[in-house]
């Protein structure tokens, strides 16, 4: 399967799970109770590089025969995943980031051995520059979410939840470009899946309303990770065939949920990773026992109090 021939399937997710198993961590699921209600947390912030993005990067590179050089654009987490995957496979990674990338992520990227290029104010501008370089040098461009192999790799999270958390009847994930929610929908067989977005970054809501991906504003405390201006064509097509529920949360709810994750579990999540928990705390998710994907922890912050 390549990025131009077909959409990912549940079978592709299962194949990706086997492909990346020697490299990526199978992160644990914590089952607990909060405010008297059952809840499970998929602790993907414990993944190598501190975020789920390694999975898609590994799968895409391995499916492509582990090319010697790859180029990508990222708000931070995907670039870290690509850099780590390249290092594991003996390849070179070129990572383009917007000038607004959080310093915590830039510092890790610079330490990863990848070539870091800062350009543009937003992800879309960095992506345009990265694509131009990939085209000029004939390199494999690894899109952060609009690539069937990347989506299948992210879907291994849903695959693991379905196996490791049989007590759960639903899954909730944060949405940026929609690669994670599309992959989890394919991998989490039999479970209801909800994509949660900040009110200021509602690319999936806008796409569903318009019937196609459309450009949207990006303005949220979680925009460094969820700041895709539009969902990818590949994830949107997957979700057209395999629908998911949606929910919105405010920045205040995200910040409160992030602090609550620290207070309850000592999980130092980045804002994007707290988005599903914010929706759960606000009772905007379906199901009796939901598994929330804590997708990353690559931000510097100080909890209140």
Protein backbone atom coordinates (compact mmCIF):
# COMPACT_ATOMS: atom_id res chain seq x y z
CA UNK A 1 0.00 0.00 0.00
CA UNK A 2 1.25 3.49 -0.85
CA UNK A 3 0.06 6.98 -0.07
CA UNK A 4 -1.52 7.30 -3.52
CA UNK A 5 -3.25 3.99 -4.25
CA UNK A 6 -5.75 3.07 -1.53
CA UNK A 7 -7.27 3.86 1.80
CA UNK A 8 -6.11 1.98 4.91
CA UNK A 9 -8.24 -0.86 6.25
CA UNK A 10 -8.55 -2.78 9.49
CA UNK A 11 -6.30 -5.42 7.93
CA UNK A 12 -3.66 -2.75 7.28
CA UNK A 13 -3.82 -1.74 10.95
CA UNK A 14 -3.30 -5.36 12.03
CA UNK A 15 -0.33 -5.63 9.66
CA UNK A 16 1.08 -2.37 11.01
CA UNK A 17 0.83 -3.72 14.57
CA UNK A 18 3.07 -6.63 13.64
CA UNK A 19 5.41 -4.44 11.59
CA UNK A 20 6.15 -1.88 14.31
CA UNK A 21 6.11 -4.26 17.28
CA UNK A 22 9.92 -4.69 17.38
CA UNK A 23 10.39 -0.91 17.67
CA UNK A 24 7.44 0.82 19.36
CA UNK A 25 6.22 0.35 22.92
CA UNK A 26 2.91 -1.34 23.61
CA UNK A 27 1.77 1.31 26.05
CA UNK A 28 -0.31 0.31 29.08
CA UNK A 29 -3.98 0.94 29.80
CA UNK A 30 -4.83 2.24 33.28
CA UNK A 31 -8.31 1.34 34.50
CA UNK A 32 -9.57 3.54 37.31
CA UNK A 33 -12.50 5.55 38.63
CA UNK A 34 -12.85 9.33 38.61
CA UNK A 35 -15.73 11.11 40.30
CA UNK A 36 -17.29 7.71 40.92
CA UNK A 37 -17.32 6.71 37.25
CA UNK A 38 -15.22 4.00 35.56
CA UNK A 39 -12.57 5.25 33.18
CA UNK A 40 -9.56 3.86 31.34
CA UNK A 41 -6.55 5.77 30.07
CA UNK A 42 -4.37 4.58 27.18
CA UNK A 43 -1.04 5.96 28.35
CA UNK A 44 0.42 6.80 24.97
CA UNK A 45 2.44 9.64 26.47
CA UNK A 46 4.74 6.79 27.61
CA UNK A 47 5.49 5.98 23.98
CA UNK A 48 9.06 6.53 22.76
CA UNK A 49 9.40 10.30 22.04
CA UNK A 50 6.51 11.02 24.43
CA UNK A 51 3.71 10.85 21.86
CA UNK A 52 1.81 8.45 19.60
CA UNK A 53 3.32 9.78 16.38
CA UNK A 54 6.19 7.26 16.35
CA UNK A 55 3.72 4.54 15.33
CA UNK A 56 2.68 6.13 12.05
CA UNK A 57 6.20 7.21 11.20
CA UNK A 58 7.58 3.72 11.75
CA UNK A 59 4.86 2.05 9.75
CA UNK A 60 5.22 4.45 6.83
CA UNK A 61 8.99 4.06 6.69
CA UNK A 62 8.93 0.28 7.05
CA UNK A 63 6.16 -0.03 4.44
CA UNK A 64 8.31 2.04 2.07
CA UNK A 65 11.33 -0.24 2.56
CA UNK A 66 13.09 2.03 5.08
CA UNK A 67 14.37 4.79 2.72
CA UNK A 68 17.73 6.37 3.56
CA UNK A 69 16.34 9.93 3.80
CA UNK A 70 12.86 11.23 4.56
CA UNK A 71 11.38 14.70 4.98
CA UNK A 72 8.38 15.80 6.98
CA UNK A 73 6.60 18.81 8.46
CA UNK A 74 5.37 18.86 12.01
CA UNK A 75 4.09 20.92 14.89
CA UNK A 76 6.57 18.94 16.96
CA UNK A 77 5.30 15.47 17.90
CA UNK A 78 5.22 13.99 14.40
CA UNK A 79 8.71 15.33 13.74
CA UNK A 80 9.96 13.65 16.90
CA UNK A 81 8.34 10.41 15.77
CA UNK A 82 9.90 10.61 12.31
CA UNK A 83 13.31 11.49 13.77
CA UNK A 84 13.16 8.55 16.18
CA UNK A 85 11.96 6.14 13.49
CA UNK A 86 14.74 7.29 11.17
CA UNK A 87 17.32 6.80 13.90
CA UNK A 88 16.03 3.28 14.63
CA UNK A 89 16.16 2.36 10.93
CA UNK A 90 19.50 4.00 10.18
CA UNK A 91 18.01 6.78 8.06
CA UNK A 92 18.27 10.58 7.95
CA UNK A 93 15.29 12.79 8.77
CA UNK A 94 14.66 16.38 7.68
CA UNK A 95 12.00 18.02 9.84
CA UNK A 96 10.29 21.31 8.97
CA UNK A 97 8.45 23.08 11.82
CA UNK A 98 6.64 26.42 12.11
CA UNK A 99 8.51 29.18 13.88
CA UNK A 100 5.87 28.95 16.62
CA UNK A 101 6.87 25.40 17.59
CA UNK A 102 7.08 25.05 21.41
CA UNK A 103 10.69 25.20 22.59
CA UNK A 104 10.24 21.94 24.51
CA UNK A 105 9.59 20.16 21.20
CA UNK A 106 12.23 22.09 19.23
CA UNK A 107 14.84 21.21 21.84
CA UNK A 108 14.02 17.52 21.58
CA UNK A 109 14.03 17.66 17.80
CA UNK A 110 17.45 19.29 17.74
CA UNK A 111 18.74 16.61 20.12
CA UNK A 112 17.26 13.82 17.99
CA UNK A 113 19.82 14.13 15.23
CA UNK A 114 17.27 15.32 12.66
CA UNK A 115 17.92 18.36 10.49
CA UNK A 116 15.53 20.98 11.89
CA UNK A 117 14.22 23.75 9.63
CA UNK A 118 11.99 26.48 11.09
CA UNK A 119 9.78 28.27 8.59
CA UNK A 120 6.36 29.91 8.52
CA UNK A 121 3.95 30.90 11.25
CA UNK A 122 1.74 27.80 10.99
CA UNK A 123 1.98 24.11 10.17
CA UNK A 124 0.61 24.59 6.65
CA UNK A 125 3.48 26.88 5.70
CA UNK A 126 6.08 24.48 7.08
CA UNK A 127 4.41 21.63 5.21
CA UNK A 128 4.52 23.53 1.92
CA UNK A 129 8.25 24.12 2.29
CA UNK A 130 8.87 20.49 3.26
CA UNK A 131 6.95 19.21 0.24
CA UNK A 132 8.96 21.48 -2.03
CA UNK A 133 12.22 20.06 -0.70
CA UNK A 134 10.95 16.48 -0.98
CA UNK A 135 10.02 17.11 -4.59
CA UNK A 136 13.30 18.83 -5.41
CA UNK A 137 15.43 16.05 -3.92
CA UNK A 138 13.21 13.05 -4.70
CA UNK A 139 12.66 12.19 -1.04
CA UNK A 140 9.80 10.30 0.63
CA UNK A 141 7.56 12.91 2.23
CA UNK A 142 5.94 11.62 5.42
CA UNK A 143 2.73 13.54 6.00
CA UNK A 144 1.74 13.92 9.64
CA UNK A 145 -1.75 12.52 9.03
CA UNK A 146 -2.78 12.47 5.35
CA UNK A 147 -1.04 9.20 4.43
CA UNK A 148 -2.60 5.70 4.49
CA UNK A 149 0.47 4.10 6.10
CA UNK A 150 0.64 6.79 8.78
CA UNK A 151 -3.07 6.37 9.54
CA UNK A 152 -2.67 2.59 9.76
CA UNK A 153 0.25 3.01 12.14
CA UNK A 154 -1.74 5.32 14.42
CA UNK A 155 -4.54 2.78 14.30
CA UNK A 156 -2.42 0.30 16.24
CA UNK A 157 -3.47 2.25 19.34
CA UNK A 158 -7.08 1.25 18.73
CA UNK A 159 -5.98 -2.31 17.99
CA UNK A 160 -4.23 -2.49 21.37
CA UNK A 161 -7.17 -0.96 23.23
CA UNK A 162 -9.57 -3.51 21.74
CA UNK A 163 -7.33 -6.33 23.01
CA UNK A 164 -6.04 -4.89 26.29
CA UNK A 165 -9.16 -3.08 27.56
CA UNK A 166 -12.12 -5.43 27.07
CA UNK A 167 -14.00 -3.60 29.82
CA UNK A 168 -14.29 -0.49 27.62
CA UNK A 169 -17.21 0.16 25.27
CA UNK A 170 -15.92 3.39 23.72
CA UNK A 171 -12.76 5.33 22.88
CA UNK A 172 -12.12 9.07 22.71
CA UNK A 173 -9.18 10.75 21.00
CA UNK A 174 -8.09 14.30 20.25
CA UNK A 175 -8.40 15.49 16.65
CA UNK A 176 -6.02 17.66 14.66
CA UNK A 177 -5.66 16.45 11.08
CA UNK A 178 -7.80 13.38 11.93
CA UNK A 179 -5.16 10.72 11.25
CA UNK A 180 -5.36 9.40 14.81
CA UNK A 181 -9.13 9.23 15.05
CA UNK A 182 -9.39 7.58 11.61
CA UNK A 183 -6.75 5.01 12.52
CA UNK A 184 -8.25 4.27 15.93
CA UNK A 185 -11.68 3.86 14.30
CA UNK A 186 -10.20 1.16 12.05
CA UNK A 187 -8.25 -0.54 14.82
CA UNK A 188 -10.76 -0.46 17.66
CA UNK A 189 -13.15 -3.06 16.29
CA UNK A 190 -16.56 -3.04 17.97
CA UNK A 191 -15.93 0.11 20.03
CA UNK A 192 -17.62 3.48 19.62
CA UNK A 193 -15.06 6.15 18.79
CA UNK A 194 -15.37 9.89 19.40
CA UNK A 195 -13.09 12.58 18.03
CA UNK A 196 -12.75 15.56 20.36
CA UNK A 197 -11.65 19.01 19.20
CA UNK A 198 -10.96 22.37 20.86
CA UNK A 199 -13.59 24.94 19.95
CA UNK A 200 -10.87 27.01 18.31
CA UNK A 201 -9.55 24.12 16.15
CA UNK A 202 -12.59 22.42 14.69
CA UNK A 203 -11.32 21.07 11.38
CA UNK A 204 -13.30 17.81 11.64
CA UNK A 205 -16.54 19.55 12.59
CA UNK A 206 -16.10 21.93 9.67
CA UNK A 207 -15.36 19.11 7.24
CA UNK A 208 -18.38 17.09 8.33
CA UNK A 209 -20.61 20.16 7.99
CA UNK A 210 -19.24 20.96 4.52
CA UNK A 211 -19.08 17.38 3.30
CA UNK A 212 -15.39 17.78 2.48
CA UNK A 213 -12.17 19.02 4.12
CA UNK A 214 -12.14 22.82 4.33
CA UNK A 215 -9.74 25.38 5.77
CA UNK A 216 -10.56 26.48 9.32
CA UNK A 217 -9.13 28.95 11.86
CA UNK A 218 -6.56 27.69 14.36
CA UNK A 219 -6.79 29.27 17.80
CA UNK A 220 -6.47 27.13 20.93
CA UNK A 221 -4.20 26.39 23.84
CA UNK A 222 -3.78 22.99 22.14
CA UNK A 223 -3.05 24.33 18.66
CA UNK A 224 0.65 23.39 18.67
CA UNK A 225 -0.45 19.75 18.37
CA UNK A 226 -4.02 20.08 17.05
CA UNK A 227 -3.44 23.05 14.78
CA UNK A 228 -4.11 21.45 11.39
CA UNK A 229 -6.17 23.98 9.45
CA UNK A 230 -8.04 21.17 7.68
CA UNK A 231 -8.42 17.42 8.07
CA UNK A 232 -6.58 15.20 5.63
CA UNK A 233 -8.30 13.74 2.58
CA UNK A 234 -7.30 10.20 3.57
CA UNK A 235 -8.64 10.39 7.16
CA UNK A 236 -11.81 12.12 5.95
CA UNK A 237 -12.45 9.36 3.42
CA UNK A 238 -11.89 6.72 6.11
CA UNK A 239 -14.35 8.48 8.41
CA UNK A 240 -16.86 8.74 5.58
CA UNK A 241 -16.90 4.95 5.41
CA UNK A 242 -16.49 4.43 9.16
CA UNK A 243 -18.20 7.32 10.99
CA UNK A 244 -17.25 8.51 14.47
CA UNK A 245 -18.91 10.75 17.02
CA UNK A 246 -17.61 14.26 17.70
CA UNK A 247 -17.39 16.61 20.67
CA UNK A 248 -16.03 20.10 21.36
CA UNK A 249 -14.31 21.51 24.44
CA UNK A 250 -13.20 24.99 25.47
CA UNK A 251 -9.66 26.08 26.24
CA UNK A 252 -10.63 26.54 29.89
CA UNK A 253 -11.91 22.96 30.00
CA UNK A 254 -8.72 21.70 28.36
CA UNK A 255 -6.49 23.47 30.87
CA UNK A 256 -8.57 22.25 33.80
CA UNK A 257 -8.46 18.68 32.47
CA UNK A 258 -4.69 18.87 31.99
CA UNK A 259 -4.28 20.00 35.59
CA UNK A 260 -6.67 17.28 36.78
CA UNK A 261 -4.58 14.61 35.01
CA UNK A 262 -1.63 15.82 37.05
CA UNK A 263 -3.55 16.01 40.30
CA UNK A 264 -5.18 12.59 39.95
CA UNK A 265 -2.45 10.57 38.23
CA UNK A 266 0.71 12.68 38.07
CA UNK A 267 0.42 12.59 34.28
CA UNK A 268 2.17 15.66 32.86
CA UNK A 269 0.15 15.75 29.65
CA UNK A 270 0.37 18.44 27.01
CA UNK A 271 -2.90 20.32 26.36
CA UNK A 272 -3.82 18.23 23.31
CA UNK A 273 -3.62 15.04 25.36
CA UNK A 274 -6.09 16.44 27.88
CA UNK A 275 -8.75 17.20 25.26
CA UNK A 276 -10.55 13.82 25.52
CA UNK A 277 -10.48 14.01 29.33
CA UNK A 278 -12.02 17.47 29.13
CA UNK A 279 -14.92 16.07 27.11
CA UNK A 280 -15.30 13.16 29.54
CA UNK A 281 -15.36 15.47 32.58
CA UNK A 282 -18.04 17.56 30.84
CA UNK A 283 -20.09 14.38 30.16
CA UNK A 284 -19.98 14.84 26.38
CA UNK A 285 -18.90 11.30 25.51
CA UNK A 286 -21.05 8.20 24.96
CA UNK A 287 -20.61 4.85 26.67
CA UNK A 288 -20.50 3.52 30.19
CA UNK A 289 -16.74 2.90 30.28
CA UNK A 290 -14.62 5.03 27.98
CA UNK A 291 -10.93 4.66 27.17
CA UNK A 292 -9.26 8.04 26.67
CA UNK A 293 -6.07 8.20 24.61
CA UNK A 294 -3.51 10.34 26.46
CA UNK A 295 -1.68 11.07 23.25
CA UNK A 296 1.41 13.04 24.31
CA UNK A 297 3.44 14.85 26.94
CA UNK A 298 5.81 17.10 25.00
CA UNK A 299 5.11 20.51 26.50
CA UNK A 300 6.57 22.43 29.40
CA UNK A 301 4.04 23.70 31.93
CA UNK A 302 3.56 24.29 35.63
CA UNK A 303 0.40 22.98 37.31
CA UNK A 304 -1.57 25.45 39.37
CA UNK A 305 -1.31 25.14 43.14
